[in-house]
């Protein structure tokens, strides 16, 4: 499994923790061991440009997901085919504000946002109430399984 983490932001982050989480999530979702995932941390200006270009929405956001090969979750006997899962772009500055508002640390928020981003790459969405319930329930379960503690509350930028 190839998971690349690049911190292009001015905020220090535990890149290895994000890579470990990525491996855990892909294993838990039965993604092929040769799948590729990229996690990039950028500053507010960079994510705002991406947010405008790809979502046509102003202002910086916390996380954006860019799927590549449209892989979907596999199953124990049938993992996804090998391929490029895609890119997750995180903004630690926005994440830090959300973490403070939610009463937990930046690292917990970055783990939450990474999980959220991976689920988007795997085709999950939260546009409709039933989709949100499914996605956020899975997100909480995966994070809880990974950390061994209750997952932080979802935050929105």
N, C-alpha and C. Protein backbone atom coordinates (compact mmCIF):
# COMPACT_ATOMS: atom_id res chain seq x y z
N UNK A 1 0.86 -1.16 0.00
CA UNK A 1 0.00 0.00 0.00
C UNK A 1 0.90 1.22 0.00
N UNK A 2 0.62 2.12 -0.91
CA UNK A 2 1.42 3.33 -1.01
C UNK A 2 0.62 4.52 -0.49
N UNK A 3 1.06 5.06 0.64
CA UNK A 3 0.42 6.24 1.20
C UNK A 3 1.49 7.30 1.35
N UNK A 4 1.30 8.39 0.64
CA UNK A 4 2.26 9.48 0.67
C UNK A 4 1.63 10.66 1.41
N UNK A 5 2.36 11.20 2.38
CA UNK A 5 1.88 12.36 3.14
C UNK A 5 2.90 13.48 2.94
N UNK A 6 2.40 14.63 2.48
CA UNK A 6 3.25 15.81 2.29
C UNK A 6 2.66 16.98 3.04
N UNK A 7 3.47 17.58 3.92
CA UNK A 7 3.02 18.75 4.65
C UNK A 7 3.61 19.99 3.99
N UNK A 8 2.76 20.68 3.22
CA UNK A 8 3.17 21.91 2.55
C UNK A 8 2.66 23.13 3.30
N UNK A 9 2.10 22.91 4.49
CA UNK A 9 1.57 24.01 5.30
C UNK A 9 2.64 24.48 6.27
N UNK A 10 2.35 25.57 6.93
CA UNK A 10 3.27 26.12 7.94
C UNK A 10 3.00 25.52 9.32
N UNK A 11 2.07 24.58 9.40
CA UNK A 11 1.68 24.00 10.69
C UNK A 11 2.29 22.61 10.83
N UNK A 12 3.06 22.37 11.89
CA UNK A 12 3.61 21.02 12.08
C UNK A 12 2.49 20.01 12.30
N UNK A 13 2.65 18.83 11.72
CA UNK A 13 1.67 17.76 11.89
C UNK A 13 2.41 16.43 11.90
N UNK A 14 1.82 15.45 12.53
CA UNK A 14 2.40 14.12 12.62
C UNK A 14 2.08 13.35 11.33
N UNK A 15 2.95 13.48 10.36
CA UNK A 15 2.74 12.87 9.05
C UNK A 15 2.68 11.35 9.15
N UNK A 16 3.49 10.77 10.00
CA UNK A 16 3.48 9.31 10.15
C UNK A 16 2.16 8.83 10.74
N UNK A 17 1.58 9.59 11.67
CA UNK A 17 0.28 9.21 12.23
C UNK A 17 -0.79 9.22 11.15
N UNK A 18 -0.74 10.19 10.25
CA UNK A 18 -1.71 10.24 9.15
C UNK A 18 -1.52 9.06 8.21
N UNK A 19 -0.27 8.69 7.94
CA UNK A 19 -0.01 7.54 7.08
C UNK A 19 -0.48 6.24 7.74
N UNK A 20 -0.23 6.10 9.06
CA UNK A 20 -0.71 4.90 9.77
C UNK A 20 -2.23 4.81 9.73
N UNK A 21 -2.90 5.93 9.94
CA UNK A 21 -4.35 5.94 9.87
C UNK A 21 -4.80 5.56 8.46
N UNK A 22 -4.17 6.12 7.46
CA UNK A 22 -4.52 5.78 6.08
C UNK A 22 -4.42 4.28 5.82
N UNK A 23 -3.34 3.66 6.28
CA UNK A 23 -3.18 2.20 6.11
C UNK A 23 -4.29 1.45 6.84
N UNK A 24 -4.58 1.88 8.07
CA UNK A 24 -5.64 1.24 8.84
C UNK A 24 -6.98 1.33 8.10
N UNK A 25 -7.32 2.52 7.61
CA UNK A 25 -8.60 2.73 6.94
C UNK A 25 -8.71 1.89 5.67
N UNK A 26 -7.66 1.87 4.89
CA UNK A 26 -7.71 1.10 3.64
C UNK A 26 -7.82 -0.38 3.93
N UNK A 27 -7.12 -0.85 4.96
CA UNK A 27 -7.26 -2.26 5.36
C UNK A 27 -8.69 -2.54 5.83
N UNK A 28 -9.22 -1.65 6.66
CA UNK A 28 -10.57 -1.85 7.22
C UNK A 28 -11.65 -1.83 6.15
N UNK A 29 -11.40 -1.12 5.06
CA UNK A 29 -12.38 -1.02 3.98
C UNK A 29 -12.06 -1.99 2.84
N UNK A 30 -11.11 -2.88 3.08
CA UNK A 30 -10.74 -3.93 2.12
C UNK A 30 -10.31 -3.36 0.77
N UNK A 31 -9.49 -2.34 0.85
CA UNK A 31 -8.92 -1.75 -0.35
C UNK A 31 -7.64 -2.53 -0.69
N UNK A 32 -7.43 -2.80 -1.95
CA UNK A 32 -6.29 -3.59 -2.42
C UNK A 32 -4.99 -3.09 -1.81
N UNK A 33 -4.11 -3.99 -1.40
CA UNK A 33 -2.86 -3.57 -0.76
C UNK A 33 -1.93 -2.76 -1.67
N UNK A 34 -2.18 -2.77 -2.97
CA UNK A 34 -1.35 -1.98 -3.88
C UNK A 34 -1.99 -0.65 -4.25
N UNK A 35 -3.07 -0.29 -3.59
CA UNK A 35 -3.74 0.99 -3.86
C UNK A 35 -2.85 2.14 -3.41
N UNK A 36 -3.05 3.29 -4.03
CA UNK A 36 -2.27 4.48 -3.73
C UNK A 36 -3.17 5.58 -3.18
N UNK A 37 -2.66 6.25 -2.14
CA UNK A 37 -3.37 7.36 -1.51
C UNK A 37 -2.37 8.47 -1.23
N UNK A 38 -2.79 9.69 -1.49
CA UNK A 38 -1.95 10.85 -1.19
C UNK A 38 -2.69 11.76 -0.23
N UNK A 39 -1.99 12.20 0.82
CA UNK A 39 -2.55 13.15 1.79
C UNK A 39 -1.63 14.37 1.79
N UNK A 40 -2.21 15.52 1.52
CA UNK A 40 -1.43 16.75 1.40
C UNK A 40 -2.00 17.77 2.37
N UNK A 41 -1.15 18.39 3.15
CA UNK A 41 -1.55 19.45 4.06
C UNK A 41 -1.11 20.78 3.46
N UNK A 42 -2.05 21.71 3.34
CA UNK A 42 -1.75 23.00 2.71
C UNK A 42 -2.27 24.14 3.57
N UNK A 43 -1.80 25.34 3.27
CA UNK A 43 -2.25 26.53 3.98
C UNK A 43 -3.61 27.00 3.44
N UNK A 44 -4.19 27.96 4.13
CA UNK A 44 -5.53 28.45 3.79
C UNK A 44 -5.63 29.00 2.37
N UNK A 45 -4.62 29.73 1.92
CA UNK A 45 -4.69 30.30 0.56
C UNK A 45 -4.78 29.19 -0.49
N UNK A 46 -3.98 28.15 -0.32
CA UNK A 46 -3.97 27.06 -1.29
C UNK A 46 -5.30 26.30 -1.30
N UNK A 47 -5.84 26.00 -0.11
CA UNK A 47 -7.09 25.25 -0.09
C UNK A 47 -8.26 26.12 -0.55
N UNK A 48 -8.18 27.42 -0.30
CA UNK A 48 -9.24 28.31 -0.78
C UNK A 48 -9.27 28.30 -2.31
N UNK A 49 -8.11 28.33 -2.94
CA UNK A 49 -8.06 28.29 -4.41
C UNK A 49 -8.67 26.99 -4.94
N UNK A 50 -8.33 25.88 -4.29
CA UNK A 50 -8.91 24.59 -4.70
C UNK A 50 -10.41 24.56 -4.45
N UNK A 51 -10.84 25.12 -3.34
CA UNK A 51 -12.26 25.14 -2.98
C UNK A 51 -13.07 25.92 -4.02
N UNK A 52 -12.53 27.04 -4.47
CA UNK A 52 -13.20 27.85 -5.50
C UNK A 52 -13.17 27.11 -6.84
N UNK A 53 -12.00 26.60 -7.21
CA UNK A 53 -11.84 25.95 -8.52
C UNK A 53 -12.70 24.70 -8.66
N UNK A 54 -12.73 23.85 -7.63
CA UNK A 54 -13.39 22.55 -7.76
C UNK A 54 -14.80 22.50 -7.20
N UNK A 55 -15.11 23.35 -6.23
CA UNK A 55 -16.44 23.31 -5.60
C UNK A 55 -17.24 24.58 -5.89
N UNK A 56 -16.58 25.58 -6.47
CA UNK A 56 -17.21 26.87 -6.75
C UNK A 56 -17.76 27.50 -5.47
N UNK A 57 -17.01 27.30 -4.37
CA UNK A 57 -17.39 27.85 -3.08
C UNK A 57 -16.27 28.75 -2.56
N UNK A 58 -16.62 29.93 -2.02
CA UNK A 58 -15.59 30.84 -1.53
C UNK A 58 -15.04 30.40 -0.18
N UNK A 59 -13.86 30.89 0.14
CA UNK A 59 -13.27 30.69 1.46
C UNK A 59 -12.55 29.36 1.60
N UNK A 60 -11.68 29.30 2.60
CA UNK A 60 -10.96 28.05 2.86
C UNK A 60 -11.90 27.01 3.47
N UNK A 61 -11.54 25.76 3.33
CA UNK A 61 -12.30 24.66 3.92
C UNK A 61 -11.33 23.75 4.65
N UNK A 62 -11.85 22.74 5.32
CA UNK A 62 -11.01 21.86 6.13
C UNK A 62 -10.40 20.72 5.33
N UNK A 63 -11.19 20.10 4.44
CA UNK A 63 -10.72 18.93 3.70
C UNK A 63 -11.40 18.88 2.34
N UNK A 64 -10.63 18.49 1.34
CA UNK A 64 -11.15 18.23 0.01
C UNK A 64 -10.63 16.86 -0.42
N UNK A 65 -11.47 16.14 -1.15
CA UNK A 65 -11.10 14.81 -1.64
C UNK A 65 -11.19 14.79 -3.16
N UNK A 66 -10.17 14.22 -3.78
CA UNK A 66 -10.11 14.14 -5.23
C UNK A 66 -9.92 12.68 -5.63
N UNK A 67 -11.02 11.96 -5.88
CA UNK A 67 -10.91 10.56 -6.27
C UNK A 67 -10.28 10.42 -7.65
N UNK A 68 -9.57 9.31 -7.86
CA UNK A 68 -8.92 9.08 -9.15
C UNK A 68 -9.58 7.90 -9.88
N UNK A 69 -9.41 6.70 -9.37
CA UNK A 69 -9.89 5.51 -10.08
C UNK A 69 -11.28 5.06 -9.62
N UNK A 70 -11.94 5.90 -8.83
CA UNK A 70 -13.29 5.60 -8.33
C UNK A 70 -13.40 4.21 -7.71
N UNK A 71 -12.43 3.90 -6.85
CA UNK A 71 -12.46 2.63 -6.12
C UNK A 71 -13.56 2.67 -5.08
N UNK A 72 -14.14 1.54 -4.79
CA UNK A 72 -15.18 1.42 -3.79
C UNK A 72 -14.73 0.42 -2.74
N UNK A 73 -15.34 0.43 -1.54
CA UNK A 73 -14.94 -0.53 -0.52
C UNK A 73 -15.08 -1.96 -1.04
N UNK A 74 -14.16 -2.80 -0.57
CA UNK A 74 -14.22 -4.21 -0.93
C UNK A 74 -14.87 -5.00 0.20
N UNK A 75 -14.60 -6.28 0.19
CA UNK A 75 -15.09 -7.16 1.24
C UNK A 75 -13.96 -8.12 1.60
N UNK A 76 -14.11 -8.89 2.68
CA UNK A 76 -13.00 -9.77 3.10
C UNK A 76 -12.52 -10.70 1.97
N UNK A 77 -13.40 -11.27 1.22
CA UNK A 77 -12.99 -12.17 0.16
C UNK A 77 -12.77 -11.51 -1.18
N UNK A 78 -13.10 -10.22 -1.25
CA UNK A 78 -13.02 -9.50 -2.52
C UNK A 78 -12.58 -8.06 -2.32
N UNK A 79 -11.27 -7.84 -2.15
CA UNK A 79 -10.81 -6.45 -1.99
C UNK A 79 -11.02 -5.68 -3.30
N UNK A 80 -10.94 -4.38 -3.21
CA UNK A 80 -11.02 -3.55 -4.40
C UNK A 80 -9.89 -3.93 -5.35
N UNK A 81 -10.00 -3.61 -6.62
CA UNK A 81 -8.86 -3.82 -7.50
C UNK A 81 -7.75 -2.82 -7.14
N UNK A 82 -6.55 -3.11 -7.58
CA UNK A 82 -5.45 -2.18 -7.37
C UNK A 82 -5.74 -0.90 -8.15
N UNK A 83 -5.25 0.21 -7.67
CA UNK A 83 -5.45 1.46 -8.38
C UNK A 83 -5.07 2.64 -7.52
N UNK A 84 -5.35 3.82 -8.04
CA UNK A 84 -5.06 5.06 -7.34
C UNK A 84 -6.37 5.52 -6.69
N UNK A 85 -6.40 5.49 -5.37
CA UNK A 85 -7.60 5.93 -4.65
C UNK A 85 -7.81 7.42 -4.87
N UNK A 86 -6.78 8.21 -4.69
CA UNK A 86 -6.87 9.65 -4.94
C UNK A 86 -6.12 10.47 -3.93
N UNK A 87 -6.48 11.75 -3.87
CA UNK A 87 -5.80 12.72 -3.01
C UNK A 87 -6.76 13.29 -1.98
N UNK A 88 -6.25 13.46 -0.78
CA UNK A 88 -6.96 14.19 0.27
C UNK A 88 -6.13 15.42 0.57
N UNK A 89 -6.76 16.58 0.56
CA UNK A 89 -6.08 17.83 0.87
C UNK A 89 -6.67 18.36 2.18
N UNK A 90 -5.80 18.54 3.17
CA UNK A 90 -6.21 19.03 4.50
C UNK A 90 -5.65 20.43 4.73
N UNK A 91 -6.39 21.23 5.47
CA UNK A 91 -5.91 22.55 5.87
C UNK A 91 -5.81 22.59 7.39
N UNK A 92 -4.59 22.47 7.94
CA UNK A 92 -4.43 22.46 9.39
C UNK A 92 -4.92 23.73 10.09
N UNK A 93 -4.84 24.89 9.41
CA UNK A 93 -5.30 26.13 10.06
C UNK A 93 -6.81 26.08 10.30
N UNK A 94 -7.57 25.64 9.32
CA UNK A 94 -9.01 25.51 9.49
C UNK A 94 -9.29 24.41 10.51
N UNK A 95 -8.56 23.31 10.41
CA UNK A 95 -8.73 22.19 11.34
C UNK A 95 -8.46 22.64 12.78
N UNK A 96 -7.48 23.49 12.99
CA UNK A 96 -7.15 23.96 14.34
C UNK A 96 -8.31 24.76 14.94
N UNK A 97 -8.94 25.60 14.13
CA UNK A 97 -10.09 26.37 14.63
C UNK A 97 -11.24 25.44 14.97
N UNK A 98 -11.48 24.46 14.12
CA UNK A 98 -12.57 23.52 14.37
C UNK A 98 -12.28 22.68 15.61
N UNK A 99 -11.04 22.26 15.77
CA UNK A 99 -10.66 21.46 16.94
C UNK A 99 -10.90 22.26 18.22
N UNK A 100 -10.50 23.51 18.21
CA UNK A 100 -10.69 24.35 19.40
C UNK A 100 -12.18 24.51 19.70
N UNK A 101 -12.98 24.76 18.68
CA UNK A 101 -14.42 24.93 18.87
C UNK A 101 -15.07 23.64 19.39
N UNK A 102 -14.54 22.50 18.97
CA UNK A 102 -15.11 21.21 19.37
C UNK A 102 -14.53 20.69 20.69
N UNK A 103 -13.47 21.32 21.16
CA UNK A 103 -12.89 20.93 22.44
C UNK A 103 -11.95 19.74 22.38
N UNK A 104 -11.30 19.54 21.23
CA UNK A 104 -10.27 18.51 21.16
C UNK A 104 -9.05 19.06 20.43
N UNK A 105 -8.00 18.26 20.32
CA UNK A 105 -6.75 18.74 19.76
C UNK A 105 -6.70 18.68 18.24
N UNK A 106 -5.71 19.38 17.69
CA UNK A 106 -5.51 19.42 16.25
C UNK A 106 -5.27 18.03 15.67
N UNK A 107 -4.46 17.23 16.33
CA UNK A 107 -4.16 15.89 15.79
C UNK A 107 -5.44 15.06 15.68
N UNK A 108 -6.32 15.13 16.68
CA UNK A 108 -7.60 14.42 16.60
C UNK A 108 -8.43 14.92 15.43
N UNK A 109 -8.43 16.22 15.22
CA UNK A 109 -9.19 16.79 14.10
C UNK A 109 -8.62 16.34 12.76
N UNK A 110 -7.30 16.30 12.65
CA UNK A 110 -6.69 15.86 11.39
C UNK A 110 -6.99 14.38 11.14
N UNK A 111 -7.04 13.57 12.19
CA UNK A 111 -7.42 12.16 12.02
C UNK A 111 -8.88 12.06 11.56
N UNK A 112 -9.73 12.86 12.15
CA UNK A 112 -11.14 12.88 11.76
C UNK A 112 -11.29 13.29 10.30
N UNK A 113 -10.60 14.35 9.90
CA UNK A 113 -10.71 14.84 8.53
C UNK A 113 -10.11 13.87 7.52
N UNK A 114 -9.04 13.19 7.91
CA UNK A 114 -8.45 12.18 7.02
C UNK A 114 -9.43 11.04 6.80
N UNK A 115 -10.06 10.59 7.87
CA UNK A 115 -11.06 9.52 7.77
C UNK A 115 -12.21 9.97 6.87
N UNK A 116 -12.66 11.18 7.09
CA UNK A 116 -13.74 11.76 6.28
C UNK A 116 -13.33 11.77 4.80
N UNK A 117 -12.11 12.22 4.54
CA UNK A 117 -11.63 12.29 3.17
C UNK A 117 -11.52 10.92 2.50
N UNK A 118 -11.03 9.93 3.23
CA UNK A 118 -10.93 8.57 2.67
C UNK A 118 -12.32 8.04 2.33
N UNK A 119 -13.29 8.28 3.20
CA UNK A 119 -14.64 7.80 2.91
C UNK A 119 -15.20 8.48 1.66
N UNK A 120 -14.93 9.76 1.48
CA UNK A 120 -15.34 10.42 0.24
C UNK A 120 -14.67 9.77 -0.97
N UNK A 121 -13.38 9.47 -0.86
CA UNK A 121 -12.68 8.83 -1.97
C UNK A 121 -13.29 7.47 -2.32
N UNK A 122 -13.86 6.82 -1.32
CA UNK A 122 -14.47 5.50 -1.53
C UNK A 122 -15.95 5.60 -1.91
N UNK A 123 -16.42 6.81 -2.20
CA UNK A 123 -17.76 6.97 -2.73
C UNK A 123 -18.83 7.36 -1.73
N UNK A 124 -18.47 7.52 -0.47
CA UNK A 124 -19.47 7.93 0.53
C UNK A 124 -19.73 9.43 0.41
N UNK A 125 -20.95 9.82 0.77
CA UNK A 125 -21.33 11.23 0.70
C UNK A 125 -22.26 11.53 1.87
N UNK A 126 -22.52 12.81 2.07
CA UNK A 126 -23.42 13.20 3.15
C UNK A 126 -24.38 14.30 2.71
N UNK A 127 -24.75 14.26 1.44
CA UNK A 127 -25.67 15.27 0.91
C UNK A 127 -27.09 15.06 1.41
N UNK A 128 -27.49 13.82 1.59
CA UNK A 128 -28.83 13.49 2.06
C UNK A 128 -28.75 12.97 3.49
N UNK A 129 -29.80 13.15 4.29
CA UNK A 129 -29.76 12.73 5.69
C UNK A 129 -29.38 11.26 5.89
N UNK A 130 -29.90 10.37 5.07
CA UNK A 130 -29.56 8.95 5.24
C UNK A 130 -28.11 8.66 4.86
N UNK A 131 -27.60 9.39 3.86
CA UNK A 131 -26.18 9.25 3.50
C UNK A 131 -25.29 9.77 4.63
N UNK A 132 -25.69 10.90 5.19
CA UNK A 132 -24.92 11.49 6.30
C UNK A 132 -24.87 10.53 7.48
N UNK A 133 -26.02 9.95 7.82
CA UNK A 133 -26.07 9.02 8.95
C UNK A 133 -25.14 7.83 8.69
N UNK A 134 -25.16 7.29 7.49
CA UNK A 134 -24.31 6.15 7.16
C UNK A 134 -22.83 6.54 7.20
N UNK A 135 -22.49 7.64 6.52
CA UNK A 135 -21.09 8.04 6.43
C UNK A 135 -20.52 8.42 7.79
N UNK A 136 -21.24 9.25 8.55
CA UNK A 136 -20.71 9.70 9.83
C UNK A 136 -20.69 8.57 10.85
N UNK A 137 -21.65 7.65 10.77
CA UNK A 137 -21.62 6.48 11.65
C UNK A 137 -20.39 5.62 11.37
N UNK A 138 -20.11 5.38 10.10
CA UNK A 138 -18.93 4.60 9.72
C UNK A 138 -17.66 5.35 10.12
N UNK A 139 -17.65 6.65 9.91
CA UNK A 139 -16.50 7.47 10.28
C UNK A 139 -16.20 7.35 11.77
N UNK A 140 -17.24 7.47 12.61
CA UNK A 140 -17.06 7.35 14.06
C UNK A 140 -16.55 5.96 14.44
N UNK A 141 -17.12 4.92 13.83
CA UNK A 141 -16.71 3.55 14.15
C UNK A 141 -15.26 3.31 13.76
N UNK A 142 -14.88 3.72 12.57
CA UNK A 142 -13.50 3.52 12.12
C UNK A 142 -12.51 4.27 13.01
N UNK A 143 -12.81 5.52 13.33
CA UNK A 143 -11.91 6.29 14.19
C UNK A 143 -11.83 5.70 15.59
N UNK A 144 -12.95 5.27 16.11
CA UNK A 144 -12.96 4.64 17.43
C UNK A 144 -12.15 3.34 17.42
N UNK A 145 -12.32 2.54 16.38
CA UNK A 145 -11.54 1.31 16.25
C UNK A 145 -10.04 1.62 16.17
N UNK A 146 -9.70 2.68 15.47
CA UNK A 146 -8.29 3.04 15.29
C UNK A 146 -7.66 3.58 16.57
N UNK A 147 -8.37 4.48 17.24
CA UNK A 147 -7.78 5.16 18.40
C UNK A 147 -8.04 4.44 19.71
N UNK A 148 -9.06 3.58 19.73
CA UNK A 148 -9.43 2.92 20.96
C UNK A 148 -10.19 3.83 21.91
N UNK A 149 -10.66 4.96 21.42
CA UNK A 149 -11.44 5.88 22.23
C UNK A 149 -12.58 6.43 21.39
N UNK A 150 -13.50 7.10 22.05
CA UNK A 150 -14.63 7.68 21.32
C UNK A 150 -14.12 8.71 20.31
N UNK A 151 -14.67 8.63 19.12
CA UNK A 151 -14.24 9.54 18.06
C UNK A 151 -14.73 10.96 18.37
N UNK A 152 -13.93 11.98 17.96
CA UNK A 152 -14.39 13.35 18.16
C UNK A 152 -15.62 13.64 17.31
N UNK A 153 -16.37 14.63 17.73
CA UNK A 153 -17.56 15.04 16.98
C UNK A 153 -17.18 15.63 15.64
N UNK A 154 -18.03 15.40 14.65
CA UNK A 154 -17.81 15.99 13.34
C UNK A 154 -17.94 17.50 13.45
N UNK A 155 -17.10 18.19 12.71
CA UNK A 155 -17.18 19.64 12.66
C UNK A 155 -17.31 20.05 11.20
N UNK A 156 -17.80 21.21 10.99
CA UNK A 156 -17.96 21.71 9.62
C UNK A 156 -17.32 23.08 9.52
N UNK A 157 -16.66 23.29 8.40
CA UNK A 157 -16.08 24.62 8.19
C UNK A 157 -17.06 25.51 7.47
